[in-house]
């Protein structure tokens, strides 16, 4: 009986680990991370896109961490924008498997 409870607990924790979560932050790249000062004449969005054309990857900066994103096409239209990413985080490869990305309101009203 005790083994059955242990197996059930492990199975539930594995299932929960694969449930989608929501991550918020700014779309960036893995080369520059949170600071885009290398290309002073370019906007942050332009810098991010240029880094990704090179050897960088799109990522999400959540205020503490740079989280790599599995989808490398969808984030392009959100470069340097605050977003909500829905997906599952794979600790083994340290990457969010992206389900969706949506821009967050900047809070400014007209």
PDB file of N, CA and C in Angstrom:
ATOM      1  N   UNK A   1       0.826  -1.192   0.000  1.00  0.00           N
ATOM      2  CA  UNK A   1       0.000   0.000   0.000  1.00  0.00           C
ATOM      3  C   UNK A   1       0.873   1.261   0.000  1.00  0.00           C
ATOM      4  N   UNK A   2       1.921   1.232   0.794  1.00  0.00           N
ATOM      5  CA  UNK A   2       2.806   2.397   0.883  1.00  0.00           C
ATOM      6  C   UNK A   2       3.485   2.672  -0.462  1.00  0.00           C
ATOM      7  N   UNK A   3       3.876   1.604  -1.152  1.00  0.00           N
ATOM      8  CA  UNK A   3       4.496   1.760  -2.468  1.00  0.00           C
ATOM      9  C   UNK A   3       3.521   2.372  -3.472  1.00  0.00           C
ATOM     10  N   UNK A   4       2.249   1.977  -3.376  1.00  0.00           N
ATOM     11  CA  UNK A   4       1.248   2.536  -4.286  1.00  0.00           C
ATOM     12  C   UNK A   4       1.099   4.044  -4.065  1.00  0.00           C
ATOM     13  N   UNK A   5       1.112   4.478  -2.813  1.00  0.00           N
ATOM     14  CA  UNK A   5       1.010   5.912  -2.510  1.00  0.00           C
ATOM     15  C   UNK A   5       2.218   6.667  -3.042  1.00  0.00           C
ATOM     16  N   UNK A   6       3.388   6.083  -2.902  1.00  0.00           N
ATOM     17  CA  UNK A   6       4.607   6.710  -3.390  1.00  0.00           C
ATOM     18  C   UNK A   6       4.578   6.841  -4.912  1.00  0.00           C
ATOM     19  N   UNK A   7       4.150   5.786  -5.581  1.00  0.00           N
ATOM     20  CA  UNK A   7       4.063   5.815  -7.041  1.00  0.00           C
ATOM     21  C   UNK A   7       3.039   6.849  -7.491  1.00  0.00           C
ATOM     22  N   UNK A   8       1.911   6.915  -6.830  1.00  0.00           N
ATOM     23  CA  UNK A   8       0.882   7.898  -7.170  1.00  0.00           C
ATOM     24  C   UNK A   8       1.391   9.322  -6.958  1.00  0.00           C
ATOM     25  N   UNK A   9       2.102   9.555  -5.863  1.00  0.00           N
ATOM     26  CA  UNK A   9       2.665  10.879  -5.586  1.00  0.00           C
ATOM     27  C   UNK A   9       3.673  11.276  -6.654  1.00  0.00           C
ATOM     28  N   UNK A  10       4.557  10.364  -7.036  1.00  0.00           N
ATOM     29  CA  UNK A  10       5.547  10.647  -8.081  1.00  0.00           C
ATOM     30  C   UNK A  10       4.875  10.913  -9.426  1.00  0.00           C
ATOM     31  N   UNK A  11       3.862  10.135  -9.754  1.00  0.00           N
ATOM     32  CA  UNK A  11       3.154  10.325 -11.019  1.00  0.00           C
ATOM     33  C   UNK A  11       2.467  11.682 -11.059  1.00  0.00           C
ATOM     34  N   UNK A  12       1.861  12.089  -9.948  1.00  0.00           N
ATOM     35  CA  UNK A  12       1.198  13.394  -9.878  1.00  0.00           C
ATOM     36  C   UNK A  12       2.205  14.533 -10.014  1.00  0.00           C
ATOM     37  N   UNK A  13       3.356  14.396  -9.388  1.00  0.00           N
ATOM     38  CA  UNK A  13       4.358  15.463  -9.479  1.00  0.00           C
ATOM     39  C   UNK A  13       4.921  15.563 -10.885  1.00  0.00           C
ATOM     40  N   UNK A  14       5.085  14.454 -11.580  1.00  0.00           N
ATOM     41  CA  UNK A  14       5.549  14.486 -12.963  1.00  0.00           C
ATOM     42  C   UNK A  14       4.507  15.127 -13.870  1.00  0.00           C
ATOM     43  N   UNK A  15       3.244  14.821 -13.635  1.00  0.00           N
ATOM     44  CA  UNK A  15       2.168  15.414 -14.432  1.00  0.00           C
ATOM     45  C   UNK A  15       2.100  16.915 -14.200  1.00  0.00           C
ATOM     46  N   UNK A  16       2.216  17.345 -12.956  1.00  0.00           N
ATOM     47  CA  UNK A  16       2.158  18.765 -12.627  1.00  0.00           C
ATOM     48  C   UNK A  16       3.326  19.525 -13.233  1.00  0.00           C
ATOM     49  N   UNK A  17       4.472  18.899 -13.352  1.00  0.00           N
ATOM     50  CA  UNK A  17       5.652  19.560 -13.911  1.00  0.00           C
ATOM     51  C   UNK A  17       5.472  19.878 -15.386  1.00  0.00           C
ATOM     52  N   UNK A  18       4.580  19.150 -16.060  1.00  0.00           N
ATOM     53  CA  UNK A  18       4.365  19.368 -17.482  1.00  0.00           C
ATOM     54  C   UNK A  18       3.187  20.275 -17.777  1.00  0.00           C
ATOM     55  N   UNK A  19       2.539  20.813 -16.753  1.00  0.00           N
ATOM     56  CA  UNK A  19       1.428  21.724 -16.972  1.00  0.00           C
ATOM     57  C   UNK A  19       1.959  23.089 -17.376  1.00  0.00           C
ATOM     58  N   UNK A  20       1.274  23.746 -18.314  1.00  0.00           N
ATOM     59  CA  UNK A  20       1.712  25.077 -18.723  1.00  0.00           C
ATOM     60  C   UNK A  20       1.674  26.076 -17.569  1.00  0.00           C
ATOM     61  N   UNK A  21       2.608  26.993 -17.596  1.00  0.00           N
ATOM     62  CA  UNK A  21       2.689  28.065 -16.603  1.00  0.00           C
ATOM     63  C   UNK A  21       2.768  29.384 -17.358  1.00  0.00           C
ATOM     64  N   UNK A  22       2.615  30.482 -16.626  1.00  0.00           N
ATOM     65  CA  UNK A  22       2.706  31.808 -17.211  1.00  0.00           C
ATOM     66  C   UNK A  22       3.962  32.489 -16.699  1.00  0.00           C
ATOM     67  N   UNK A  23       4.717  33.070 -17.613  1.00  0.00           N
ATOM     68  CA  UNK A  23       5.953  33.787 -17.296  1.00  0.00           C
ATOM     69  C   UNK A  23       5.802  35.200 -17.846  1.00  0.00           C
ATOM     70  N   UNK A  24       6.177  36.197 -17.078  1.00  0.00           N
ATOM     71  CA  UNK A  24       6.110  37.574 -17.567  1.00  0.00           C
ATOM     72  C   UNK A  24       7.503  38.182 -17.564  1.00  0.00           C
ATOM     73  N   UNK A  25       7.719  39.073 -18.512  1.00  0.00           N
ATOM     74  CA  UNK A  25       9.005  39.743 -18.615  1.00  0.00           C
ATOM     75  C   UNK A  25       9.121  40.448 -19.943  1.00  0.00           C
ATOM     76  N   UNK A  26      10.347  40.696 -20.352  1.00  0.00           N
ATOM     77  CA  UNK A  26      10.636  41.409 -21.593  1.00  0.00           C
ATOM     78  C   UNK A  26      11.345  40.465 -22.552  1.00  0.00           C
ATOM     79  N   UNK A  27      10.913  40.482 -23.812  1.00  0.00           N
ATOM     80  CA  UNK A  27      11.586  39.665 -24.825  1.00  0.00           C
ATOM     81  C   UNK A  27      12.954  40.286 -25.105  1.00  0.00           C
ATOM     82  N   UNK A  28      13.984  39.460 -24.988  1.00  0.00           N
ATOM     83  CA  UNK A  28      15.368  39.885 -25.190  1.00  0.00           C
ATOM     84  C   UNK A  28      16.098  38.805 -25.983  1.00  0.00           C
ATOM     85  N   UNK A  29      17.403  38.825 -25.917  1.00  0.00           N
ATOM     86  CA  UNK A  29      18.198  37.786 -26.578  1.00  0.00           C
ATOM     87  C   UNK A  29      19.235  37.255 -25.592  1.00  0.00           C
ATOM     88  N   UNK A  30      19.811  36.113 -25.920  1.00  0.00           N
ATOM     89  CA  UNK A  30      20.761  35.476 -25.007  1.00  0.00           C
ATOM     90  C   UNK A  30      22.138  36.121 -25.027  1.00  0.00           C
ATOM     91  N   UNK A  31      22.442  36.937 -26.022  1.00  0.00           N
ATOM     92  CA  UNK A  31      23.745  37.604 -26.061  1.00  0.00           C
ATOM     93  C   UNK A  31      23.770  38.844 -25.169  1.00  0.00           C
ATOM     94  N   UNK A  32      22.801  39.725 -25.347  1.00  0.00           N
ATOM     95  CA  UNK A  32      22.776  40.974 -24.566  1.00  0.00           C
ATOM     96  C   UNK A  32      22.086  40.799 -23.219  1.00  0.00           C
ATOM     97  N   UNK A  33      21.128  39.906 -23.143  1.00  0.00           N
ATOM     98  CA  UNK A  33      20.407  39.713 -21.895  1.00  0.00           C
ATOM     99  C   UNK A  33      19.528  40.902 -21.552  1.00  0.00           C
ATOM    100  N   UNK A  34      19.795  41.523 -20.412  1.00  0.00           N
ATOM    101  CA  UNK A  34      18.927  42.615 -19.968  1.00  0.00           C
ATOM    102  C   UNK A  34      19.385  43.985 -20.438  1.00  0.00           C
ATOM    103  N   UNK A  35      20.602  44.120 -20.927  1.00  0.00           N
ATOM    104  CA  UNK A  35      21.143  45.421 -21.304  1.00  0.00           C
ATOM    105  C   UNK A  35      21.582  45.429 -22.762  1.00  0.00           C
ATOM    106  N   UNK A  36      21.099  46.408 -23.517  1.00  0.00           N
ATOM    107  CA  UNK A  36      21.395  46.485 -24.950  1.00  0.00           C
ATOM    108  C   UNK A  36      22.193  47.744 -25.271  1.00  0.00           C
ATOM    109  N   UNK A  37      23.283  47.964 -24.591  1.00  0.00           N
ATOM    110  CA  UNK A  37      24.081  49.166 -24.766  1.00  0.00           C
ATOM    111  C   UNK A  37      25.139  49.080 -25.849  1.00  0.00           C
ATOM    112  N   UNK A  38      25.372  47.897 -26.404  1.00  0.00           N
ATOM    113  CA  UNK A  38      26.437  47.740 -27.389  1.00  0.00           C
ATOM    114  C   UNK A  38      26.160  48.498 -28.684  1.00  0.00           C
ATOM    115  N   UNK A  39      24.897  48.597 -29.064  1.00  0.00           N
ATOM    116  CA  UNK A  39      24.525  49.273 -30.305  1.00  0.00           C
ATOM    117  C   UNK A  39      23.793  50.563 -29.960  1.00  0.00           C
ATOM    118  N   UNK A  40      24.533  51.567 -29.585  1.00  0.00           N
ATOM    119  CA  UNK A  40      23.955  52.811 -29.087  1.00  0.00           C
ATOM    120  C   UNK A  40      23.068  53.521 -30.106  1.00  0.00           C
ATOM    121  N   UNK A  41      23.344  53.369 -31.395  1.00  0.00           N
ATOM    122  CA  UNK A  41      22.559  54.044 -32.426  1.00  0.00           C
ATOM    123  C   UNK A  41      21.281  53.278 -32.781  1.00  0.00           C
ATOM    124  N   UNK A  42      21.111  52.090 -32.233  1.00  0.00           N
ATOM    125  CA  UNK A  42      19.944  51.253 -32.537  1.00  0.00           C
ATOM    126  C   UNK A  42      19.030  51.153 -31.328  1.00  0.00           C
ATOM    127  N   UNK A  43      17.754  50.886 -31.592  1.00  0.00           N
ATOM    128  CA  UNK A  43      16.807  50.652 -30.499  1.00  0.00           C
ATOM    129  C   UNK A  43      17.076  49.279 -29.888  1.00  0.00           C
ATOM    130  N   UNK A  44      16.533  49.037 -28.698  1.00  0.00           N
ATOM    131  CA  UNK A  44      16.689  47.722 -28.069  1.00  0.00           C
ATOM    132  C   UNK A  44      16.123  46.630 -28.975  1.00  0.00           C
ATOM    133  N   UNK A  45      14.962  46.896 -29.583  1.00  0.00           N
ATOM    134  CA  UNK A  45      14.333  45.900 -30.459  1.00  0.00           C
ATOM    135  C   UNK A  45      15.244  45.571 -31.650  1.00  0.00           C
ATOM    136  N   UNK A  46      15.859  46.596 -32.243  1.00  0.00           N
ATOM    137  CA  UNK A  46      16.773  46.359 -33.365  1.00  0.00           C
ATOM    138  C   UNK A  46      17.994  45.564 -32.923  1.00  0.00           C
ATOM    139  N   UNK A  47      18.531  45.897 -31.753  1.00  0.00           N
ATOM    140  CA  UNK A  47      19.689  45.181 -31.211  1.00  0.00           C
ATOM    141  C   UNK A  47      19.360  43.701 -31.012  1.00  0.00           C
ATOM    142  N   UNK A  48      18.194  43.439 -30.413  1.00  0.00           N
ATOM    143  CA  UNK A  48      17.774  42.058 -30.157  1.00  0.00           C
ATOM    144  C   UNK A  48      17.681  41.280 -31.466  1.00  0.00           C
ATOM    145  N   UNK A  49      17.036  41.877 -32.465  1.00  0.00           N
ATOM    146  CA  UNK A  49      16.866  41.191 -33.750  1.00  0.00           C
ATOM    147  C   UNK A  49      18.209  40.934 -34.424  1.00  0.00           C
ATOM    148  N   UNK A  50      19.143  41.875 -34.300  1.00  0.00           N
ATOM    149  CA  UNK A  50      20.469  41.674 -34.899  1.00  0.00           C
ATOM    150  C   UNK A  50      21.235  40.572 -34.175  1.00  0.00           C
ATOM    151  N   UNK A  51      21.131  40.529 -32.839  1.00  0.00           N
ATOM    152  CA  UNK A  51      21.815  39.482 -32.071  1.00  0.00           C
ATOM    153  C   UNK A  51      21.273  38.099 -32.427  1.00  0.00           C
ATOM    154  N   UNK A  52      19.951  38.017 -32.642  1.00  0.00           N
ATOM    155  CA  UNK A  52      19.334  36.735 -32.982  1.00  0.00           C
ATOM    156  C   UNK A  52      19.737  36.305 -34.394  1.00  0.00           C
ATOM    157  N   UNK A  53      19.951  37.258 -35.282  1.00  0.00           N
ATOM    158  CA  UNK A  53      20.434  36.909 -36.630  1.00  0.00           C
ATOM    159  C   UNK A  53      21.840  36.324 -36.552  1.00  0.00           C
ATOM    160  N   UNK A  54      22.590  36.738 -35.519  1.00  0.00           N
ATOM    161  CA  UNK A  54      23.929  36.194 -35.302  1.00  0.00           C
ATOM    162  C   UNK A  54      23.831  34.876 -34.570  1.00  0.00           C
ATOM    163  N   UNK A  55      24.466  34.797 -33.421  1.00  0.00           N
ATOM    164  CA  UNK A  55      24.478  33.532 -32.683  1.00  0.00           C
ATOM    165  C   UNK A  55      23.565  33.542 -31.454  1.00  0.00           C
ATOM    166  N   UNK A  56      22.800  34.615 -31.252  1.00  0.00           N
ATOM    167  CA  UNK A  56      21.904  34.695 -30.099  1.00  0.00           C
ATOM    168  C   UNK A  56      20.583  33.990 -30.348  1.00  0.00           C
ATOM    169  N   UNK A  57      19.825  33.849 -29.271  1.00  0.00           N
ATOM    170  CA  UNK A  57      18.489  33.261 -29.333  1.00  0.00           C
ATOM    171  C   UNK A  57      17.537  34.200 -28.616  1.00  0.00           C
ATOM    172  N   UNK A  58      16.248  34.176 -29.010  1.00  0.00           N
ATOM    173  CA  UNK A  58      15.251  34.927 -28.270  1.00  0.00           C
ATOM    174  C   UNK A  58      15.100  34.326 -26.884  1.00  0.00           C
ATOM    175  N   UNK A  59      14.882  35.201 -25.908  1.00  0.00           N
ATOM    176  CA  UNK A  59      14.735  34.774 -24.526  1.00  0.00           C
ATOM    177  C   UNK A  59      13.780  35.725 -23.820  1.00  0.00           C
ATOM    178  N   UNK A  60      13.416  35.378 -22.607  1.00  0.00           N
ATOM    179  CA  UNK A  60      12.567  36.209 -21.765  1.00  0.00           C
ATOM    180  C   UNK A  60      13.373  36.620 -20.548  1.00  0.00           C
ATOM    181  N   UNK A  61      13.441  37.928 -20.299  1.00  0.00           N
ATOM    182  CA  UNK A  61      14.086  38.430 -19.081  1.00  0.00           C
ATOM    183  C   UNK A  61      12.979  38.721 -18.088  1.00  0.00           C
ATOM    184  N   UNK A  62      12.944  37.981 -16.974  1.00  0.00           N
ATOM    185  CA  UNK A  62      11.859  38.118 -16.000  1.00  0.00           C
ATOM    186  C   UNK A  62      12.199  39.056 -14.840  1.00  0.00           C
ATOM    187  N   UNK A  63      13.289  39.760 -14.946  1.00  0.00           N
ATOM    188  CA  UNK A  63      13.720  40.655 -13.873  1.00  0.00           C
ATOM    189  C   UNK A  63      14.885  40.083 -13.090  1.00  0.00           C
ATOM    190  N   UNK A  64      15.078  38.773 -13.179  1.00  0.00           N
ATOM    191  CA  UNK A  64      16.181  38.091 -12.501  1.00  0.00           C
ATOM    192  C   UNK A  64      16.940  37.176 -13.447  1.00  0.00           C
ATOM    193  N   UNK A  65      16.194  36.454 -14.267  1.00  0.00           N
ATOM    194  CA  UNK A  65      16.772  35.394 -15.099  1.00  0.00           C
ATOM    195  C   UNK A  65      16.522  35.637 -16.574  1.00  0.00           C
ATOM    196  N   UNK A  66      17.423  35.101 -17.387  1.00  0.00           N
ATOM    197  CA  UNK A  66      17.249  35.072 -18.834  1.00  0.00           C
ATOM    198  C   UNK A  66      16.790  33.653 -19.162  1.00  0.00           C
ATOM    199  N   UNK A  67      15.533  33.516 -19.590  1.00  0.00           N
ATOM    200  CA  UNK A  67      14.946  32.212 -19.872  1.00  0.00           C
ATOM    201  C   UNK A  67      14.863  32.014 -21.381  1.00  0.00           C
ATOM    202  N   UNK A  68      15.571  31.027 -21.901  1.00  0.00           N
ATOM    203  CA  UNK A  68      15.557  30.749 -23.339  1.00  0.00           C
ATOM    204  C   UNK A  68      14.155  30.316 -23.762  1.00  0.00           C
ATOM    205  N   UNK A  69      13.805  30.617 -25.015  1.00  0.00           N
ATOM    206  CA  UNK A  69      12.493  30.273 -25.557  1.00  0.00           C
ATOM    207  C   UNK A  69      12.637  29.251 -26.680  1.00  0.00           C
ATOM    208  N   UNK A  70      11.751  28.265 -26.716  1.00  0.00           N
ATOM    209  CA  UNK A  70      11.813  27.236 -27.754  1.00  0.00           C
ATOM    210  C   UNK A  70      11.431  27.802 -29.115  1.00  0.00           C
ATOM    211  N   UNK A  71      10.452  28.669 -29.152  1.00  0.00           N
ATOM    212  CA  UNK A  71       9.982  29.274 -30.398  1.00  0.00           C
ATOM    213  C   UNK A  71      10.895  30.447 -30.742  1.00  0.00           C
ATOM    214  N   UNK A  72      11.507  30.407 -31.894  1.00  0.00           N
ATOM    215  CA  UNK A  72      12.425  31.474 -32.294  1.00  0.00           C
ATOM    216  C   UNK A  72      11.855  32.344 -33.411  1.00  0.00           C
ATOM    217  N   UNK A  73      10.569  32.184 -33.753  1.00  0.00           N
ATOM    218  CA  UNK A  73       9.919  33.025 -34.755  1.00  0.00           C
ATOM    219  C   UNK A  73       8.921  33.980 -34.117  1.00  0.00           C
ATOM    220  N   UNK A  74       8.033  33.460 -33.298  1.00  0.00           N
ATOM    221  CA  UNK A  74       6.988  34.272 -32.671  1.00  0.00           C
ATOM    222  C   UNK A  74       7.539  35.432 -31.839  1.00  0.00           C
ATOM    223  N   UNK A  75       8.604  35.269 -31.071  1.00  0.00           N
ATOM    224  CA  UNK A  75       9.101  36.381 -30.246  1.00  0.00           C
ATOM    225  C   UNK A  75       9.612  37.576 -31.045  1.00  0.00           C
ATOM    226  N   UNK A  76       9.918  37.403 -32.321  1.00  0.00           N
ATOM    227  CA  UNK A  76      10.482  38.489 -33.130  1.00  0.00           C
ATOM    228  C   UNK A  76       9.581  39.716 -33.128  1.00  0.00           C
ATOM    229  N   UNK A  77       8.275  39.526 -33.195  1.00  0.00           N
ATOM    230  CA  UNK A  77       7.379  40.682 -33.242  1.00  0.00           C
ATOM    231  C   UNK A  77       7.184  41.332 -31.870  1.00  0.00           C
ATOM    232  N   UNK A  78       7.735  40.708 -30.814  1.00  0.00           N
ATOM    233  CA  UNK A  78       7.616  41.254 -29.464  1.00  0.00           C
ATOM    234  C   UNK A  78       8.962  41.725 -28.903  1.00  0.00           C
ATOM    235  N   UNK A  79       9.979  41.826 -29.751  1.00  0.00           N
ATOM    236  CA  UNK A  79      11.318  42.210 -29.289  1.00  0.00           C
ATOM    237  C   UNK A  79      11.270  43.487 -28.463  1.00  0.00           C
ATOM    238  N   UNK A  80      11.867  43.442 -27.267  1.00  0.00           N
ATOM    239  CA  UNK A  80      11.967  44.560 -26.314  1.00  0.00           C
ATOM    240  C   UNK A  80      10.629  44.956 -25.694  1.00  0.00           C
ATOM    241  N   UNK A  81       9.593  44.151 -25.884  1.00  0.00           N
ATOM    242  CA  UNK A  81       8.283  44.439 -25.296  1.00  0.00           C
ATOM    243  C   UNK A  81       8.045  43.580 -24.059  1.00  0.00           C
ATOM    244  N   UNK A  82       7.246  44.119 -23.137  1.00  0.00           N
ATOM    245  CA  UNK A  82       6.817  43.364 -21.958  1.00  0.00           C
ATOM    246  C   UNK A  82       5.704  42.420 -22.399  1.00  0.00           C
ATOM    247  N   UNK A  83       5.864  41.136 -22.058  1.00  0.00           N
ATOM    248  CA  UNK A  83       4.946  40.106 -22.541  1.00  0.00           C
ATOM    249  C   UNK A  83       4.576  39.108 -21.447  1.00  0.00           C
ATOM    250  N   UNK A  84       3.574  38.313 -21.796  1.00  0.00           N
ATOM    251  CA  UNK A  84       3.208  37.140 -20.996  1.00  0.00           C
ATOM    252  C   UNK A  84       3.426  35.936 -21.897  1.00  0.00           C
ATOM    253  N   UNK A  85       4.291  35.023 -21.445  1.00  0.00           N
ATOM    254  CA  UNK A  85       4.574  33.796 -22.194  1.00  0.00           C
ATOM    255  C   UNK A  85       3.914  32.640 -21.461  1.00  0.00           C
ATOM    256  N   UNK A  86       3.155  31.841 -22.199  1.00  0.00           N
ATOM    257  CA  UNK A  86       2.560  30.632 -21.636  1.00  0.00           C
ATOM    258  C   UNK A  86       3.312  29.450 -22.214  1.00  0.00           C
ATOM    259  N   UNK A  87       3.698  28.531 -21.335  1.00  0.00           N
ATOM    260  CA  UNK A  87       4.429  27.349 -21.784  1.00  0.00           C
ATOM    261  C   UNK A  87       4.910  26.535 -20.603  1.00  0.00           C
ATOM    262  N   UNK A  88       5.718  25.547 -20.889  1.00  0.00           N
ATOM    263  CA  UNK A  88       6.267  24.692 -19.839  1.00  0.00           C
ATOM    264  C   UNK A  88       7.782  24.890 -19.784  1.00  0.00           C
ATOM    265  N   UNK A  89       8.297  25.001 -18.584  1.00  0.00           N
ATOM    266  CA  UNK A  89       9.733  25.195 -18.402  1.00  0.00           C
ATOM    267  C   UNK A  89      10.401  23.844 -18.219  1.00  0.00           C
ATOM    268  N   UNK A  90      11.379  23.574 -19.040  1.00  0.00           N
ATOM    269  CA  UNK A  90      12.148  22.334 -18.966  1.00  0.00           C
ATOM    270  C   UNK A  90      13.480  22.651 -18.296  1.00  0.00           C
ATOM    271  N   UNK A  91      13.620  22.274 -17.035  1.00  0.00           N
ATOM    272  CA  UNK A  91      14.844  22.567 -16.286  1.00  0.00           C
ATOM    273  C   UNK A  91      16.060  21.875 -16.886  1.00  0.00           C
ATOM    274  N   UNK A  92      15.842  20.710 -17.456  1.00  0.00           N
ATOM    275  CA  UNK A  92      16.953  19.933 -18.007  1.00  0.00           C
ATOM    276  C   UNK A  92      17.690  20.712 -19.092  1.00  0.00           C
ATOM    277  N   UNK A  93      16.950  21.381 -19.966  1.00  0.00           N
ATOM    278  CA  UNK A  93      17.566  22.154 -21.051  1.00  0.00           C
ATOM    279  C   UNK A  93      17.448  23.663 -20.806  1.00  0.00           C
ATOM    280  N   UNK A  94      16.877  24.036 -19.687  1.00  0.00           N
ATOM    281  CA  UNK A  94      16.716  25.436 -19.274  1.00  0.00           C
ATOM    282  C   UNK A  94      16.074  26.273 -20.371  1.00  0.00           C
ATOM    283  N   UNK A  95      14.868  25.848 -20.768  1.00  0.00           N
ATOM    284  CA  UNK A  95      14.166  26.491 -21.874  1.00  0.00           C
ATOM    285  C   UNK A  95      12.655  26.408 -21.636  1.00  0.00           C
ATOM    286  N   UNK A  96      11.956  27.482 -21.997  1.00  0.00           N
ATOM    287  CA  UNK A  96      10.495  27.468 -21.954  1.00  0.00           C
ATOM    288  C   UNK A  96       9.990  26.951 -23.289  1.00  0.00           C
ATOM    289  N   UNK A  97       9.184  25.901 -23.257  1.00  0.00           N
ATOM    290  CA  UNK A  97       8.529  25.419 -24.468  1.00  0.00           C
ATOM    291  C   UNK A  97       7.293  26.292 -24.634  1.00  0.00           C
ATOM    292  N   UNK A  98       7.343  27.198 -25.587  1.00  0.00           N
ATOM    293  CA  UNK A  98       6.335  28.245 -25.754  1.00  0.00           C
ATOM    294  C   UNK A  98       5.046  27.699 -26.349  1.00  0.00           C
ATOM    295  N   UNK A  99       3.926  28.033 -25.685  1.00  0.00           N
ATOM    296  CA  UNK A  99       2.598  27.744 -26.210  1.00  0.00           C
ATOM    297  C   UNK A  99       2.032  29.006 -26.843  1.00  0.00           C
ATOM    298  N   UNK A 100       2.198  30.156 -26.151  1.00  0.00           N
ATOM    299  CA  UNK A 100       1.716  31.427 -26.686  1.00  0.00           C
ATOM    300  C   UNK A 100       2.484  32.587 -26.063  1.00  0.00           C
ATOM    301  N   UNK A 101       2.454  33.715 -26.771  1.00  0.00           N
ATOM    302  CA  UNK A 101       3.048  34.953 -26.282  1.00  0.00           C
ATOM    303  C   UNK A 101       2.056  36.066 -26.560  1.00  0.00           C
ATOM    304  N   UNK A 102       1.818  36.919 -25.561  1.00  0.00           N
ATOM    305  CA  UNK A 102       0.966  38.086 -25.794  1.00  0.00           C
ATOM    306  C   UNK A 102       1.564  39.302 -25.112  1.00  0.00           C
ATOM    307  N   UNK A 103       1.435  40.433 -25.774  1.00  0.00           N
ATOM    308  CA  UNK A 103       1.963  41.687 -25.237  1.00  0.00           C
ATOM    309  C   UNK A 103       1.140  42.101 -24.025  1.00  0.00           C
ATOM    310  N   UNK A 104       1.821  42.668 -23.037  1.00  0.00           N
ATOM    311  CA  UNK A 104       1.149  43.210 -21.862  1.00  0.00           C
ATOM    312  C   UNK A 104       1.017  44.710 -22.032  1.00  0.00           C
ATOM    313  N   UNK A 105      -0.034  45.236 -21.500  1.00  0.00           N
ATOM    314  CA  UNK A 105      -0.269  46.684 -21.567  1.00  0.00           C
ATOM    315  C   UNK A 105       0.820  47.405 -20.809  1.00  0.00           C
ATOM    316  N   UNK A 106       1.258  48.532 -21.338  1.00  0.00           N
ATOM    317  CA  UNK A 106       2.292  49.323 -20.672  1.00  0.00           C
ATOM    318  C   UNK A 106       1.697  50.188 -19.579  1.00  0.00           C
ATOM    319  N   UNK A 107       0.376  50.203 -19.472  1.00  0.00           N
ATOM    320  CA  UNK A 107      -0.278  50.977 -18.419  1.00  0.00           C
ATOM    321  C   UNK A 107      -0.542  52.419 -18.815  1.00  0.00           C
ATOM    322  N   UNK A 108      -0.075  52.841 -19.968  1.00  0.00           N
ATOM    323  CA  UNK A 108      -0.307  54.215 -20.410  1.00  0.00           C
ATOM    324  C   UNK A 108      -1.682  54.310 -21.044  1.00  0.00           C
ATOM    325  N   UNK A 109      -2.402  55.328 -20.712  1.00  0.00           N
ATOM    326  CA  UNK A 109      -3.715  55.532 -21.311  1.00  0.00           C
ATOM    327  C   UNK A 109      -3.741  56.877 -22.014  1.00  0.00           C
ATOM    328  N   UNK A 110      -4.536  56.942 -23.065  1.00  0.00           N
ATOM    329  CA  UNK A 110      -4.627  58.177 -23.850  1.00  0.00           C
ATOM    330  C   UNK A 110      -5.955  58.838 -23.655  1.00  0.00           C
TER     331      UNK A 110
END
